[in-house]
């Protein structure tokens, strides 16, 4: 809710916005707040609650998100980024994402069997 209040254009520029969240985003206040603004929130339901429409799609999306997070933390070493300011952290993240993107492009362009790994470049 704080993000939406701080950046109101996020909602006005995206009518019918769909937000995918984790179980931790469960509250009647949040549901009411988002419904008033025309935002749909999809999250996993607790066992004692009725499943939300669209919930079966979350498993594959969650796997994708976990895979990306694992790549960012593992191959790109983003947990030890070394940035001292928010701008420094942003620059280091951008550098690593650009390096991974260039490696993926190179691997695909040259027909490498594994296209989403920096292991071959880790010397």
C-alpha atoms as a PDB file:
ATOM      1  CA  UNK A   1       0.000   0.000   0.000  1.00  0.00           C
ATOM      2  CA  UNK A   2       2.909   2.318   0.775  1.00  0.00           C
ATOM      3  CA  UNK A   3       4.338   1.832  -2.717  1.00  0.00           C
ATOM      4  CA  UNK A   4       0.982   2.661  -4.307  1.00  0.00           C
ATOM      5  CA  UNK A   5       0.558   5.737  -2.105  1.00  0.00           C
ATOM      6  CA  UNK A   6       4.102   6.930  -2.775  1.00  0.00           C
ATOM      7  CA  UNK A   7       3.947   6.255  -6.536  1.00  0.00           C
ATOM      8  CA  UNK A   8       0.285   6.836  -7.530  1.00  0.00           C
ATOM      9  CA  UNK A   9       1.141   6.736 -11.249  1.00  0.00           C
ATOM     10  CA  UNK A  10       1.789   2.988 -10.874  1.00  0.00           C
ATOM     11  CA  UNK A  11      -1.957   2.462 -10.625  1.00  0.00           C
ATOM     12  CA  UNK A  12      -3.203   5.219 -12.911  1.00  0.00           C
ATOM     13  CA  UNK A  13      -0.849   4.258 -15.760  1.00  0.00           C
ATOM     14  CA  UNK A  14      -1.880   0.584 -15.550  1.00  0.00           C
ATOM     15  CA  UNK A  15      -5.644   0.115 -15.414  1.00  0.00           C
ATOM     16  CA  UNK A  16      -6.619  -3.414 -14.411  1.00  0.00           C
ATOM     17  CA  UNK A  17      -3.206  -4.079 -12.851  1.00  0.00           C
ATOM     18  CA  UNK A  18      -2.578  -7.663 -11.702  1.00  0.00           C
ATOM     19  CA  UNK A  19      -0.166  -8.198  -8.818  1.00  0.00           C
ATOM     20  CA  UNK A  20       1.264 -11.625  -8.031  1.00  0.00           C
ATOM     21  CA  UNK A  21       2.344 -11.990  -4.413  1.00  0.00           C
ATOM     22  CA  UNK A  22       3.391 -14.464  -1.769  1.00  0.00           C
ATOM     23  CA  UNK A  23       1.227 -15.744   1.103  1.00  0.00           C
ATOM     24  CA  UNK A  24       2.566 -13.003   3.350  1.00  0.00           C
ATOM     25  CA  UNK A  25       0.381 -10.433   1.613  1.00  0.00           C
ATOM     26  CA  UNK A  26      -2.827 -11.517   3.291  1.00  0.00           C
ATOM     27  CA  UNK A  27      -4.947  -8.863   4.946  1.00  0.00           C
ATOM     28  CA  UNK A  28      -8.468  -7.584   4.535  1.00  0.00           C
ATOM     29  CA  UNK A  29      -7.156  -4.030   4.593  1.00  0.00           C
ATOM     30  CA  UNK A  30      -4.832  -4.739   1.651  1.00  0.00           C
ATOM     31  CA  UNK A  31      -7.567  -6.561  -0.271  1.00  0.00           C
ATOM     32  CA  UNK A  32      -9.991  -3.661   0.248  1.00  0.00           C
ATOM     33  CA  UNK A  33      -7.333  -1.063  -0.635  1.00  0.00           C
ATOM     34  CA  UNK A  34      -6.437  -2.786  -3.919  1.00  0.00           C
ATOM     35  CA  UNK A  35     -10.046  -3.554  -4.860  1.00  0.00           C
ATOM     36  CA  UNK A  36     -10.960   0.132  -4.455  1.00  0.00           C
ATOM     37  CA  UNK A  37      -8.212   0.978  -6.950  1.00  0.00           C
ATOM     38  CA  UNK A  38      -9.144  -1.708  -9.478  1.00  0.00           C
ATOM     39  CA  UNK A  39      -6.087  -3.875  -8.787  1.00  0.00           C
ATOM     40  CA  UNK A  40      -6.280  -7.676  -8.710  1.00  0.00           C
ATOM     41  CA  UNK A  41      -4.013  -9.517  -6.300  1.00  0.00           C
ATOM     42  CA  UNK A  42      -3.264 -13.206  -6.842  1.00  0.00           C
ATOM     43  CA  UNK A  43      -1.525 -15.101  -4.067  1.00  0.00           C
ATOM     44  CA  UNK A  44      -1.447 -18.615  -2.708  1.00  0.00           C
ATOM     45  CA  UNK A  45      -4.229 -19.333  -0.253  1.00  0.00           C
ATOM     46  CA  UNK A  46      -3.758 -20.784   3.166  1.00  0.00           C
ATOM     47  CA  UNK A  47      -5.003 -24.346   3.564  1.00  0.00           C
ATOM     48  CA  UNK A  48      -8.098 -23.272   5.488  1.00  0.00           C
ATOM     49  CA  UNK A  49      -9.199 -20.747   2.821  1.00  0.00           C
ATOM     50  CA  UNK A  50     -10.907 -21.074  -0.504  1.00  0.00           C
ATOM     51  CA  UNK A  51      -8.441 -20.872  -3.447  1.00  0.00           C
ATOM     52  CA  UNK A  52      -8.437 -17.653  -5.478  1.00  0.00           C
ATOM     53  CA  UNK A  53      -9.202 -17.786  -9.205  1.00  0.00           C
ATOM     54  CA  UNK A  54      -5.942 -18.085 -11.138  1.00  0.00           C
ATOM     55  CA  UNK A  55      -4.107 -19.662  -8.234  1.00  0.00           C
ATOM     56  CA  UNK A  56      -3.118 -22.814 -10.177  1.00  0.00           C
ATOM     57  CA  UNK A  57      -0.975 -20.601 -12.436  1.00  0.00           C
ATOM     58  CA  UNK A  58       1.176 -19.494  -9.511  1.00  0.00           C
ATOM     59  CA  UNK A  59       3.250 -22.669  -9.243  1.00  0.00           C
ATOM     60  CA  UNK A  60       4.973 -22.188 -12.602  1.00  0.00           C
ATOM     61  CA  UNK A  61       5.405 -18.453 -12.021  1.00  0.00           C
ATOM     62  CA  UNK A  62       6.903 -19.095  -8.606  1.00  0.00           C
ATOM     63  CA  UNK A  63       9.353 -21.616 -10.101  1.00  0.00           C
ATOM     64  CA  UNK A  64      10.450 -18.994 -12.634  1.00  0.00           C
ATOM     65  CA  UNK A  65      10.912 -16.352  -9.927  1.00  0.00           C
ATOM     66  CA  UNK A  66      12.893 -18.747  -7.715  1.00  0.00           C
ATOM     67  CA  UNK A  67      15.091 -19.692 -10.690  1.00  0.00           C
ATOM     68  CA  UNK A  68      15.835 -16.043 -11.451  1.00  0.00           C
ATOM     69  CA  UNK A  69      16.553 -15.298  -7.784  1.00  0.00           C
ATOM     70  CA  UNK A  70      18.867 -18.303  -7.560  1.00  0.00           C
ATOM     71  CA  UNK A  71      20.745 -17.127 -10.657  1.00  0.00           C
ATOM     72  CA  UNK A  72      21.051 -13.605  -9.273  1.00  0.00           C
ATOM     73  CA  UNK A  73      22.331 -14.824  -5.914  1.00  0.00           C
ATOM     74  CA  UNK A  74      24.438 -17.734  -7.127  1.00  0.00           C
ATOM     75  CA  UNK A  75      26.001 -16.994 -10.496  1.00  0.00           C
ATOM     76  CA  UNK A  76      25.966 -13.210 -10.198  1.00  0.00           C
ATOM     77  CA  UNK A  77      26.946 -13.130  -6.514  1.00  0.00           C
ATOM     78  CA  UNK A  78      24.495 -10.336  -5.745  1.00  0.00           C
ATOM     79  CA  UNK A  79      24.412 -11.000  -2.023  1.00  0.00           C
ATOM     80  CA  UNK A  80      27.997  -9.677  -1.797  1.00  0.00           C
ATOM     81  CA  UNK A  81      27.601  -6.829  -4.271  1.00  0.00           C
ATOM     82  CA  UNK A  82      29.930  -4.370  -2.535  1.00  0.00           C
ATOM     83  CA  UNK A  83      27.761  -1.322  -3.204  1.00  0.00           C
ATOM     84  CA  UNK A  84      27.893   1.348  -0.509  1.00  0.00           C
ATOM     85  CA  UNK A  85      25.031   3.498  -1.771  1.00  0.00           C
ATOM     86  CA  UNK A  86      21.722   2.632  -3.408  1.00  0.00           C
ATOM     87  CA  UNK A  87      23.154   3.959  -6.689  1.00  0.00           C
ATOM     88  CA  UNK A  88      26.247   1.770  -6.276  1.00  0.00           C
ATOM     89  CA  UNK A  89      24.084  -1.294  -5.669  1.00  0.00           C
ATOM     90  CA  UNK A  90      22.025  -0.440  -8.759  1.00  0.00           C
ATOM     91  CA  UNK A  91      25.129  -0.085 -10.915  1.00  0.00           C
ATOM     92  CA  UNK A  92      26.572  -3.403  -9.730  1.00  0.00           C
ATOM     93  CA  UNK A  93      23.279  -5.205 -10.350  1.00  0.00           C
ATOM     94  CA  UNK A  94      23.023  -3.653 -13.826  1.00  0.00           C
ATOM     95  CA  UNK A  95      26.614  -4.657 -14.644  1.00  0.00           C
ATOM     96  CA  UNK A  96      26.008  -8.256 -13.676  1.00  0.00           C
ATOM     97  CA  UNK A  97      22.701  -8.482 -15.516  1.00  0.00           C
ATOM     98  CA  UNK A  98      24.313  -7.019 -18.626  1.00  0.00           C
ATOM     99  CA  UNK A  99      27.167  -9.534 -18.378  1.00  0.00           C
ATOM    100  CA  UNK A 100      24.723 -12.440 -18.027  1.00  0.00           C
ATOM    101  CA  UNK A 101      22.619 -11.147 -20.933  1.00  0.00           C
ATOM    102  CA  UNK A 102      25.719 -10.831 -23.128  1.00  0.00           C
ATOM    103  CA  UNK A 103      26.811 -14.374 -22.176  1.00  0.00           C
ATOM    104  CA  UNK A 104      23.363 -15.798 -22.957  1.00  0.00           C
ATOM    105  CA  UNK A 105      23.306 -13.984 -26.301  1.00  0.00           C
ATOM    106  CA  UNK A 106      26.817 -15.215 -27.125  1.00  0.00           C
ATOM    107  CA  UNK A 107      25.989 -18.809 -26.146  1.00  0.00           C
ATOM    108  CA  UNK A 108      22.826 -18.827 -28.259  1.00  0.00           C
ATOM    109  CA  UNK A 109      24.549 -17.161 -31.214  1.00  0.00           C
ATOM    110  CA  UNK A 110      27.355 -19.733 -31.177  1.00  0.00           C
ATOM    111  CA  UNK A 111      25.085 -22.736 -30.557  1.00  0.00           C
ATOM    112  CA  UNK A 112      26.378 -23.671 -27.100  1.00  0.00           C
ATOM    113  CA  UNK A 113      24.468 -26.522 -25.399  1.00  0.00           C
ATOM    114  CA  UNK A 114      24.015 -24.618 -22.110  1.00  0.00           C
ATOM    115  CA  UNK A 115      22.793 -21.078 -22.730  1.00  0.00           C
ATOM    116  CA  UNK A 116      21.980 -19.750 -19.260  1.00  0.00           C
ATOM    117  CA  UNK A 117      25.184 -20.153 -17.333  1.00  0.00           C
ATOM    118  CA  UNK A 118      28.247 -18.067 -16.633  1.00  0.00           C
ATOM    119  CA  UNK A 119      30.219 -21.103 -15.460  1.00  0.00           C
ATOM    120  CA  UNK A 120      32.220 -21.260 -18.687  1.00  0.00           C
ATOM    121  CA  UNK A 121      33.297 -17.628 -18.178  1.00  0.00           C
ATOM    122  CA  UNK A 122      34.186 -17.944 -14.488  1.00  0.00           C
ATOM    123  CA  UNK A 123      38.007 -17.831 -14.682  1.00  0.00           C
END
